Amino acid sequence: MKMKLTHIEPHPQLKGYVSKMWVFESSGRVPAEDMRLVVPNGMVKLTIPFRNGVSGRNSEMFHLSKESRLTLIGIGDIPAIIDVEEDAPSGTIGIEFSPAGAYRLFQLRQSELKNRIFLLEDVWDRTAREVQEMIANQEPVEKKLRIIQQYLVKRLRRSAADPVIDYCIRLVKNTNGLITMRALEEKTGYSSRWLYDKFMDKVGVSPKSYASIIRFQQFYEPWARNAGYRFKDNLYDYFYDQAHFIKEFKRFTGLSPLKYVKSENEFGRIFYRE
């Protein structure tokens, strides 16, 4: 079974709002020994299966997206298992939104999307179904990508930025998740309760949880890119001790670091490679 991931350069007007865009293709179902595990990365996702259906399962729900159905995946703080509907060739377009892009494009309380999967037509107005039909009627993937990006650009123009939450998100990212709640309070002038409510509304998780995801990615991404990377490298730069790291790692993968590195997850790693 062969897997291929092609990275797509987002439309210039979507930069800063779309973090990643890709086309994933496989010749069949990922082998059973592969966990097919996707870990939290702090981003809301929109997927479009254009060949074969795709399922997503976590500890809270299961969802099957049929071919050509636009699917919205909320920010997660637990791992998910991905599979295809049939053991046959598959193809999926994926768009991953920065928190700043997610709240502007999907104008609802982000915590309502957390760890959940929806058909886009159930979240947005009738235009979601219309653009879904337009995409389904186009055979070339390039045209499908053009249609969905043009649609997102139009949606983005209808919304306004929230300078406070954008500033907070940048602080968390720029400190690799090490900023404390007290520091956020001092830098913004807002209380921890106000910041908590703002993050739940605009990001979908609390400031503390979002920072934990960003810290976790400082270890997971280098490992996904390089099989020789050791999780213990720089561990104490981000966590109190080894026990703290193991607890956070199990939260986001479902396994201890030792068990995880001994498991096969080529599917999950491919999304981090250039």
C-alpha atoms as a PDB file:
ATOM      1  CA  MET A   1       0.000   0.000   0.000  1.00  0.00           C
ATOM      2  CA  LYS A   2       1.391   3.400  -1.024  1.00  0.00           C
ATOM      3  CA  MET A   3       0.718   6.763   0.614  1.00  0.00           C
ATOM      4  CA  LYS A   4       1.447  10.184  -0.833  1.00  0.00           C
ATOM      5  CA  LEU A   5       1.012  13.627   0.717  1.00  0.00           C
ATOM      6  CA  THR A   6       1.288  16.724  -1.468  1.00  0.00           C
ATOM      7  CA  HIS A   7       1.548  20.107   0.263  1.00  0.00           C
ATOM      8  CA  ILE A   8      -0.424  22.928  -1.367  1.00  0.00           C
ATOM      9  CA  GLU A   9       0.458  26.623  -1.147  1.00  0.00           C
ATOM     10  CA  PRO A  10      -2.605  28.474   0.206  1.00  0.00           C
ATOM     11  CA  HIS A  11      -4.159  31.429  -1.606  1.00  0.00           C
ATOM     12  CA  PRO A  12      -2.253  34.638  -0.610  1.00  0.00           C
ATOM     13  CA  GLN A  13      -5.345  36.056   1.127  1.00  0.00           C
ATOM     14  CA  LEU A  14      -5.585  32.928   3.304  1.00  0.00           C
ATOM     15  CA  LYS A  15      -2.022  33.065   4.607  1.00  0.00           C
ATOM     16  CA  GLY A  16      -1.990  33.473   8.361  1.00  0.00           C
ATOM     17  CA  TYR A  17      -5.429  31.873   8.526  1.00  0.00           C
ATOM     18  CA  VAL A  18      -4.645  28.576   6.795  1.00  0.00           C
ATOM     19  CA  SER A  19      -1.599  26.893   8.352  1.00  0.00           C
ATOM     20  CA  LYS A  20      -1.486  23.839   6.118  1.00  0.00           C
ATOM     21  CA  MET A  21      -3.159  22.620   2.961  1.00  0.00           C
ATOM     22  CA  TRP A  22      -2.542  19.188   1.512  1.00  0.00           C
ATOM     23  CA  VAL A  23      -3.794  16.391  -0.719  1.00  0.00           C
ATOM     24  CA  PHE A  24      -3.467  12.879   0.722  1.00  0.00           C
ATOM     25  CA  GLU A  25      -3.681   9.868  -1.589  1.00  0.00           C
ATOM     26  CA  SER A  26      -3.336   6.157  -0.932  1.00  0.00           C
ATOM     27  CA  SER A  27      -3.580   3.031  -3.051  1.00  0.00           C
ATOM     28  CA  GLY A  28      -5.771   1.308  -0.453  1.00  0.00           C
ATOM     29  CA  ARG A  29      -6.479   0.950   3.266  1.00  0.00           C
ATOM     30  CA  VAL A  30      -3.545   1.632   5.580  1.00  0.00           C
ATOM     31  CA  PRO A  31      -2.231  -1.713   6.936  1.00  0.00           C
ATOM     32  CA  ALA A  32      -3.820  -2.911  10.178  1.00  0.00           C
ATOM     33  CA  GLU A  33      -0.507  -2.765  12.051  1.00  0.00           C
ATOM     34  CA  ASP A  34      -0.373   1.004  11.495  1.00  0.00           C
ATOM     35  CA  MET A  35      -2.236   2.850  14.257  1.00  0.00           C
ATOM     36  CA  ARG A  36      -3.520   5.518  11.817  1.00  0.00           C
ATOM     37  CA  LEU A  37      -3.319   7.900  14.752  1.00  0.00           C
ATOM     38  CA  VAL A  38      -3.670  11.670  14.425  1.00  0.00           C
ATOM     39  CA  VAL A  39      -2.648  13.682  17.477  1.00  0.00           C
ATOM     40  CA  PRO A  40      -3.854  17.162  18.519  1.00  0.00           C
ATOM     41  CA  ASN A  41      -1.987  20.029  16.843  1.00  0.00           C
ATOM     42  CA  GLY A  42      -4.103  23.005  17.898  1.00  0.00           C
ATOM     43  CA  MET A  43      -5.860  23.456  14.553  1.00  0.00           C
ATOM     44  CA  VAL A  44      -9.391  23.128  13.222  1.00  0.00           C
ATOM     45  CA  LYS A  45      -9.536  21.135   9.979  1.00  0.00           C
ATOM     46  CA  LEU A  46     -11.705  20.965   6.879  1.00  0.00           C
ATOM     47  CA  THR A  47     -11.462  17.778   4.820  1.00  0.00           C
ATOM     48  CA  ILE A  48     -12.914  16.885   1.435  1.00  0.00           C
ATOM     49  CA  PRO A  49     -12.755  13.184   0.504  1.00  0.00           C
ATOM     50  CA  PHE A  50     -12.810  13.197  -3.303  1.00  0.00           C
ATOM     51  CA  ARG A  51     -12.128   9.473  -3.737  1.00  0.00           C
ATOM     52  CA  ASN A  52     -13.504   6.983  -1.200  1.00  0.00           C
ATOM     53  CA  GLY A  53     -15.075   7.911   2.149  1.00  0.00           C
ATOM     54  CA  VAL A  54     -13.134   8.687   5.340  1.00  0.00           C
ATOM     55  CA  SER A  55     -13.965   7.883   8.961  1.00  0.00           C
ATOM     56  CA  GLY A  56     -12.728   9.489  12.151  1.00  0.00           C
ATOM     57  CA  ARG A  57     -13.006   7.994  15.628  1.00  0.00           C
ATOM     58  CA  ASN A  58     -11.938   9.173  19.063  1.00  0.00           C
ATOM     59  CA  SER A  59     -12.981   8.291  22.613  1.00  0.00           C
ATOM     60  CA  GLU A  60     -16.069  10.494  22.291  1.00  0.00           C
ATOM     61  CA  MET A  61     -17.514   9.831  18.822  1.00  0.00           C
ATOM     62  CA  PHE A  62     -17.369   8.183  15.394  1.00  0.00           C
ATOM     63  CA  HIS A  63     -18.074   9.919  12.082  1.00  0.00           C
ATOM     64  CA  LEU A  64     -18.063   8.659   8.492  1.00  0.00           C
ATOM     65  CA  SER A  65     -17.704  11.231   5.714  1.00  0.00           C
ATOM     66  CA  LYS A  66     -18.887  10.002   2.361  1.00  0.00           C
ATOM     67  CA  GLU A  67     -17.080  10.964  -0.832  1.00  0.00           C
ATOM     68  CA  SER A  68     -17.312  14.680  -1.731  1.00  0.00           C
ATOM     69  CA  ARG A  69     -18.810  15.689   1.633  1.00  0.00           C
ATOM     70  CA  LEU A  70     -17.148  18.745   3.191  1.00  0.00           C
ATOM     71  CA  THR A  71     -16.267  17.793   6.757  1.00  0.00           C
ATOM     72  CA  LEU A  72     -15.373  20.111   9.637  1.00  0.00           C
ATOM     73  CA  ILE A  73     -13.164  18.750  12.418  1.00  0.00           C
ATOM     74  CA  GLY A  74     -13.013  20.844  15.576  1.00  0.00           C
ATOM     75  CA  ILE A  75      -9.898  21.492  17.616  1.00  0.00           C
ATOM     76  CA  GLY A  76      -8.958  18.389  19.580  1.00  0.00           C
ATOM     77  CA  ASP A  77      -7.177  17.588  22.811  1.00  0.00           C
ATOM     78  CA  ILE A  78      -7.430  13.797  22.416  1.00  0.00           C
ATOM     79  CA  PRO A  79      -6.068  11.517  19.662  1.00  0.00           C
ATOM     80  CA  ALA A  80      -8.193  10.217  16.783  1.00  0.00           C
ATOM     81  CA  ILE A  81      -8.048   7.154  14.536  1.00  0.00           C
ATOM     82  CA  ILE A  82      -8.552   7.714  10.793  1.00  0.00           C
ATOM     83  CA  ASP A  83      -9.620   5.104   8.238  1.00  0.00           C
ATOM     84  CA  VAL A  84     -11.132   4.867   4.754  1.00  0.00           C
ATOM     85  CA  GLU A  85     -14.618   3.579   4.053  1.00  0.00           C
ATOM     86  CA  GLU A  86     -13.531   0.886   1.605  1.00  0.00           C
ATOM     87  CA  ASP A  87     -10.244  -0.900   0.980  1.00  0.00           C
ATOM     88  CA  ALA A  88      -9.710   0.917  -2.302  1.00  0.00           C
ATOM     89  CA  PRO A  89      -7.746   3.920  -3.616  1.00  0.00           C
ATOM     90  CA  SER A  90      -8.521   7.094  -1.698  1.00  0.00           C
ATOM     91  CA  GLY A  91      -7.919  10.827  -1.992  1.00  0.00           C
ATOM     92  CA  THR A  92      -8.618  13.630   0.454  1.00  0.00           C
ATOM     93  CA  ILE A  93      -8.072  17.390   0.457  1.00  0.00           C
ATOM     94  CA  GLY A  94      -7.184  18.757   3.883  1.00  0.00           C
ATOM     95  CA  ILE A  95      -7.110  22.346   5.110  1.00  0.00           C
ATOM     96  CA  GLU A  96      -5.798  23.127   8.608  1.00  0.00           C
ATOM     97  CA  PHE A  97      -6.691  26.502  10.077  1.00  0.00           C
ATOM     98  CA  SER A  98      -4.769  28.544  12.582  1.00  0.00           C
ATOM     99  CA  PRO A  99      -6.903  29.525  15.595  1.00  0.00           C
ATOM    100  CA  ALA A 100      -7.111  33.059  14.145  1.00  0.00           C
ATOM    101  CA  GLY A 101      -8.463  31.632  10.907  1.00  0.00           C
ATOM    102  CA  ALA A 102     -10.841  29.169  12.567  1.00  0.00           C
ATOM    103  CA  TYR A 103     -12.812  31.669  14.645  1.00  0.00           C
ATOM    104  CA  ARG A 104     -13.116  34.096  11.740  1.00  0.00           C
ATOM    105  CA  LEU A 105     -14.254  31.534   9.199  1.00  0.00           C
ATOM    106  CA  PHE A 106     -16.412  29.363  11.467  1.00  0.00           C
ATOM    107  CA  GLN A 107     -18.250  32.026  13.402  1.00  0.00           C
ATOM    108  CA  LEU A 108     -19.572  30.059  16.346  1.00  0.00           C
ATOM    109  CA  ARG A 109     -18.297  29.136  19.783  1.00  0.00           C
ATOM    110  CA  GLN A 110     -15.251  26.981  19.046  1.00  0.00           C
ATOM    111  CA  SER A 111     -15.654  24.883  22.197  1.00  0.00           C
ATOM    112  CA  GLU A 112     -18.848  23.496  20.614  1.00  0.00           C
ATOM    113  CA  LEU A 113     -16.649  21.943  17.893  1.00  0.00           C
ATOM    114  CA  LYS A 114     -14.031  20.515  20.272  1.00  0.00           C
ATOM    115  CA  ASN A 115     -13.261  16.828  19.595  1.00  0.00           C
ATOM    116  CA  ARG A 116     -16.247  16.680  17.236  1.00  0.00           C
ATOM    117  CA  ILE A 117     -16.732  16.118  13.504  1.00  0.00           C
ATOM    118  CA  PHE A 118     -19.521  17.729  11.481  1.00  0.00           C
ATOM    119  CA  LEU A 119     -20.694  17.989   7.916  1.00  0.00           C
ATOM    120  CA  LEU A 120     -19.993  21.583   6.939  1.00  0.00           C
ATOM    121  CA  GLU A 121     -23.549  22.010   5.631  1.00  0.00           C
ATOM    122  CA  ASP A 122     -24.826  21.366   9.185  1.00  0.00           C
ATOM    123  CA  VAL A 123     -22.673  24.194  10.571  1.00  0.00           C
ATOM    124  CA  TRP A 124     -22.845  26.833   7.838  1.00  0.00           C
ATOM    125  CA  ASP A 125     -25.665  28.184   5.698  1.00  0.00           C
ATOM    126  CA  ARG A 126     -26.915  26.733   2.392  1.00  0.00           C
ATOM    127  CA  THR A 127     -23.853  28.055   0.558  1.00  0.00           C
ATOM    128  CA  ALA A 128     -21.856  25.184   2.102  1.00  0.00           C
ATOM    129  CA  ARG A 129     -23.994  22.659   0.228  1.00  0.00           C
ATOM    130  CA  GLU A 130     -23.755  24.707  -2.946  1.00  0.00           C
ATOM    131  CA  VAL A 131     -19.964  24.832  -2.894  1.00  0.00           C
ATOM    132  CA  GLN A 132     -19.902  21.130  -1.997  1.00  0.00           C
ATOM    133  CA  GLU A 133     -21.865  20.358  -5.160  1.00  0.00           C
ATOM    134  CA  MET A 134     -19.554  22.575  -7.223  1.00  0.00           C
ATOM    135  CA  ILE A 135     -16.518  20.713  -5.914  1.00  0.00           C
ATOM    136  CA  ALA A 136     -18.116  17.303  -6.516  1.00  0.00           C
ATOM    137  CA  ASN A 137     -18.839  18.245 -10.136  1.00  0.00           C
ATOM    138  CA  GLN A 138     -15.197  19.054 -10.870  1.00  0.00           C
ATOM    139  CA  GLU A 139     -12.902  16.134 -11.643  1.00  0.00           C
ATOM    140  CA  PRO A 140      -9.407  17.730 -11.460  1.00  0.00           C
ATOM    141  CA  VAL A 141      -8.179  18.192  -7.893  1.00  0.00           C
ATOM    142  CA  GLU A 142      -6.698  21.564  -8.858  1.00  0.00           C
ATOM    143  CA  LYS A 143     -10.170  22.891  -9.688  1.00  0.00           C
ATOM    144  CA  LYS A 144     -11.590  21.530  -6.440  1.00  0.00           C
ATOM    145  CA  LEU A 145      -8.840  23.373  -4.554  1.00  0.00           C
ATOM    146  CA  ARG A 146      -9.520  26.584  -6.445  1.00  0.00           C
ATOM    147  CA  ILE A 147     -13.234  26.483  -5.641  1.00  0.00           C
ATOM    148  CA  ILE A 148     -12.849  25.846  -1.915  1.00  0.00           C
ATOM    149  CA  GLN A 149     -10.160  28.515  -1.529  1.00  0.00           C
ATOM    150  CA  GLN A 150     -12.222  31.136  -3.353  1.00  0.00           C
ATOM    151  CA  TYR A 151     -15.128  30.266  -1.069  1.00  0.00           C
ATOM    152  CA  LEU A 152     -12.996  30.625   2.063  1.00  0.00           C
ATOM    153  CA  VAL A 153     -11.632  33.985   0.922  1.00  0.00           C
ATOM    154  CA  LYS A 154     -15.210  35.284   0.541  1.00  0.00           C
ATOM    155  CA  ARG A 155     -16.130  34.016   4.017  1.00  0.00           C
ATOM    156  CA  LEU A 156     -13.035  35.620   5.523  1.00  0.00           C
ATOM    157  CA  ARG A 157     -13.947  39.040   4.130  1.00  0.00           C
ATOM    158  CA  ARG A 158     -17.222  38.977   6.068  1.00  0.00           C
ATOM    159  CA  SER A 159     -15.542  38.686   9.477  1.00  0.00           C
ATOM    160  CA  ALA A 160     -13.414  40.899  11.696  1.00  0.00           C
ATOM    161  CA  ALA A 161     -10.310  40.111  13.708  1.00  0.00           C
ATOM    162  CA  ASP A 162     -10.252  40.016  17.508  1.00  0.00           C
ATOM    163  CA  PRO A 163      -6.949  41.769  18.394  1.00  0.00           C
ATOM    164  CA  VAL A 164      -6.839  40.499  21.991  1.00  0.00           C
ATOM    165  CA  ILE A 165      -7.199  36.794  21.198  1.00  0.00           C
ATOM    166  CA  ASP A 166      -4.839  37.116  18.217  1.00  0.00           C
ATOM    167  CA  TYR A 167      -2.248  38.675  20.538  1.00  0.00           C
ATOM    168  CA  CYS A 168      -2.702  35.887  23.097  1.00  0.00           C
ATOM    169  CA  ILE A 169      -2.393  33.169  20.458  1.00  0.00           C
ATOM    170  CA  ARG A 170       0.846  34.727  19.205  1.00  0.00           C
ATOM    171  CA  LEU A 171       2.237  34.844  22.746  1.00  0.00           C
ATOM    172  CA  VAL A 172       1.506  31.165  23.314  1.00  0.00           C
ATOM    173  CA  LYS A 173       3.003  30.184  19.957  1.00  0.00           C
ATOM    174  CA  ASN A 174       6.061  32.432  20.251  1.00  0.00           C
ATOM    175  CA  THR A 175       6.897  30.998  23.691  1.00  0.00           C
ATOM    176  CA  ASN A 176       6.348  27.406  22.481  1.00  0.00           C
ATOM    177  CA  GLY A 177       3.576  27.027  25.027  1.00  0.00           C
ATOM    178  CA  LEU A 178       5.679  28.109  28.011  1.00  0.00           C
ATOM    179  CA  ILE A 179       3.840  31.320  28.869  1.00  0.00           C
ATOM    180  CA  THR A 180       1.914  31.196  32.152  1.00  0.00           C
ATOM    181  CA  MET A 181      -1.608  32.397  32.819  1.00  0.00           C
ATOM    182  CA  ARG A 182      -0.196  35.051  35.125  1.00  0.00           C
ATOM    183  CA  ALA A 183       1.991  36.350  32.305  1.00  0.00           C
ATOM    184  CA  LEU A 184      -1.020  36.437  29.960  1.00  0.00           C
ATOM    185  CA  GLU A 185      -2.936  38.418  32.563  1.00  0.00           C
ATOM    186  CA  GLU A 186      -0.080  40.888  32.993  1.00  0.00           C
ATOM    187  CA  LYS A 187       0.505  41.378  29.275  1.00  0.00           C
ATOM    188  CA  THR A 188      -3.164  41.805  28.358  1.00  0.00           C
ATOM    189  CA  GLY A 189      -4.586  43.431  31.491  1.00  0.00           C
ATOM    190  CA  TYR A 190      -7.449  40.903  31.569  1.00  0.00           C
ATOM    191  CA  SER A 191      -8.324  38.428  34.323  1.00  0.00           C
ATOM    192  CA  SER A 192      -7.769  34.679  34.049  1.00  0.00           C
ATOM    193  CA  ARG A 193     -11.554  34.122  33.990  1.00  0.00           C
ATOM    194  CA  TRP A 194     -11.998  36.585  31.106  1.00  0.00           C
ATOM    195  CA  LEU A 195      -9.119  34.991  29.169  1.00  0.00           C
ATOM    196  CA  TYR A 196     -10.506  31.508  29.810  1.00  0.00           C
ATOM    197  CA  ASP A 197     -13.912  32.477  28.401  1.00  0.00           C
ATOM    198  CA  LYS A 198     -12.296  34.207  25.430  1.00  0.00           C
ATOM    199  CA  PHE A 199     -10.181  31.154  24.580  1.00  0.00           C
ATOM    200  CA  MET A 200     -13.137  28.791  24.904  1.00  0.00           C
ATOM    201  CA  ASP A 201     -15.114  31.001  22.538  1.00  0.00           C
ATOM    202  CA  LYS A 202     -12.444  31.740  19.932  1.00  0.00           C
ATOM    203  CA  VAL A 203      -9.977  28.818  20.223  1.00  0.00           C
ATOM    204  CA  GLY A 204     -12.095  26.006  21.665  1.00  0.00           C
ATOM    205  CA  VAL A 205      -9.869  25.038  24.596  1.00  0.00           C
ATOM    206  CA  SER A 206      -8.558  26.880  27.641  1.00  0.00           C
ATOM    207  CA  PRO A 207      -5.280  28.872  27.485  1.00  0.00           C
ATOM    208  CA  LYS A 208      -3.632  26.174  29.615  1.00  0.00           C
ATOM    209  CA  SER A 209      -4.785  23.354  27.300  1.00  0.00           C
ATOM    210  CA  TYR A 210      -3.772  25.258  24.181  1.00  0.00           C
ATOM    211  CA  ALA A 211      -0.316  25.883  25.651  1.00  0.00           C
ATOM    212  CA  SER A 212      -0.037  22.160  26.499  1.00  0.00           C
ATOM    213  CA  ILE A 213      -0.785  21.212  22.878  1.00  0.00           C
ATOM    214  CA  ILE A 214       1.836  23.655  21.601  1.00  0.00           C
ATOM    215  CA  ARG A 215       4.420  22.281  24.078  1.00  0.00           C
ATOM    216  CA  PHE A 216       3.628  18.703  23.074  1.00  0.00           C
ATOM    217  CA  GLN A 217       4.162  19.589  19.410  1.00  0.00           C
ATOM    218  CA  GLN A 218       7.718  20.771  20.214  1.00  0.00           C
ATOM    219  CA  PHE A 219       8.528  17.087  20.741  1.00  0.00           C
ATOM    220  CA  TYR A 220       6.099  15.302  18.479  1.00  0.00           C
ATOM    221  CA  GLU A 221       6.858  17.201  15.276  1.00  0.00           C
ATOM    222  CA  PRO A 222      10.658  16.635  15.352  1.00  0.00           C
ATOM    223  CA  TRP A 223      10.041  12.924  16.067  1.00  0.00           C
ATOM    224  CA  ALA A 224       7.549  12.657  13.193  1.00  0.00           C
ATOM    225  CA  ARG A 225      10.077  14.225  10.831  1.00  0.00           C
ATOM    226  CA  ASN A 226      13.073  12.232  12.060  1.00  0.00           C
ATOM    227  CA  ALA A 227      12.879   8.644  13.351  1.00  0.00           C
ATOM    228  CA  GLY A 228      16.175   9.157  15.184  1.00  0.00           C
ATOM    229  CA  TYR A 229      14.808  11.952  17.366  1.00  0.00           C
ATOM    230  CA  ARG A 230      14.673  11.143  21.077  1.00  0.00           C
ATOM    231  CA  PHE A 231      11.775  12.467  23.159  1.00  0.00           C
ATOM    232  CA  LYS A 232      14.057  13.044  26.133  1.00  0.00           C
ATOM    233  CA  ASP A 233      16.052  15.675  24.234  1.00  0.00           C
ATOM    234  CA  ASN A 234      15.256  19.111  25.740  1.00  0.00           C
ATOM    235  CA  LEU A 235      12.499  17.534  27.872  1.00  0.00           C
ATOM    236  CA  TYR A 236      13.243  19.680  30.904  1.00  0.00           C
ATOM    237  CA  ASP A 237      13.032  22.863  28.864  1.00  0.00           C
ATOM    238  CA  TYR A 238       9.276  22.302  28.573  1.00  0.00           C
ATOM    239  CA  PHE A 239       8.163  20.049  31.447  1.00  0.00           C
ATOM    240  CA  TYR A 240       8.679  19.962  35.210  1.00  0.00           C
ATOM    241  CA  ASP A 241       9.972  16.403  35.161  1.00  0.00           C
ATOM    242  CA  GLN A 242       9.683  13.117  33.278  1.00  0.00           C
ATOM    243  CA  ALA A 243       6.401  12.204  34.979  1.00  0.00           C
ATOM    244  CA  HIS A 244       4.834  15.466  33.797  1.00  0.00           C
ATOM    245  CA  PHE A 245       5.984  14.788  30.233  1.00  0.00           C
ATOM    246  CA  ILE A 246       4.641  11.218  30.251  1.00  0.00           C
ATOM    247  CA  LYS A 247       1.258  12.385  31.577  1.00  0.00           C
ATOM    248  CA  GLU A 248       0.916  14.992  28.829  1.00  0.00           C
ATOM    249  CA  PHE A 249       2.158  12.585  26.161  1.00  0.00           C
ATOM    250  CA  LYS A 250      -0.400   9.930  27.138  1.00  0.00           C
ATOM    251  CA  ARG A 251      -3.124  12.577  27.116  1.00  0.00           C
ATOM    252  CA  PHE A 252      -2.454  13.439  23.472  1.00  0.00           C
ATOM    253  CA  THR A 253      -1.522   9.996  22.083  1.00  0.00           C
ATOM    254  CA  GLY A 254      -3.184   7.481  24.406  1.00  0.00           C
ATOM    255  CA  LEU A 255       0.171   5.756  24.980  1.00  0.00           C
ATOM    256  CA  SER A 256       3.322   6.269  26.993  1.00  0.00           C
ATOM    257  CA  PRO A 257       6.322   7.578  25.008  1.00  0.00           C
ATOM    258  CA  LEU A 258       8.035   4.179  25.246  1.00  0.00           C
ATOM    259  CA  LYS A 259       5.022   2.261  23.901  1.00  0.00           C
ATOM    260  CA  TYR A 260       4.390   4.891  21.264  1.00  0.00           C
ATOM    261  CA  VAL A 261       7.839   4.775  19.666  1.00  0.00           C
ATOM    262  CA  LYS A 262       7.573   0.977  19.464  1.00  0.00           C
ATOM    263  CA  SER A 263       4.264   1.249  17.596  1.00  0.00           C
ATOM    264  CA  GLU A 264       3.785   1.833  13.877  1.00  0.00           C
ATOM    265  CA  ASN A 265       2.180   5.131  12.879  1.00  0.00           C
ATOM    266  CA  GLU A 266       3.486   5.935   9.429  1.00  0.00           C
ATOM    267  CA  PHE A 267       0.105   7.428   8.570  1.00  0.00           C
ATOM    268  CA  GLY A 268       0.324   9.964  11.390  1.00  0.00           C
ATOM    269  CA  ARG A 269       3.920  10.904  10.620  1.00  0.00           C
ATOM    270  CA  ILE A 270       3.381  11.646   6.938  1.00  0.00           C
ATOM    271  CA  PHE A 271       1.468  14.862   7.701  1.00  0.00           C
ATOM    272  CA  TYR A 272       4.580  16.401   9.298  1.00  0.00           C
ATOM    273  CA  ARG A 273       6.995  15.743   6.471  1.00  0.00           C
ATOM    274  CA  GLU A 274       7.947  18.301   3.885  1.00  0.00           C
END
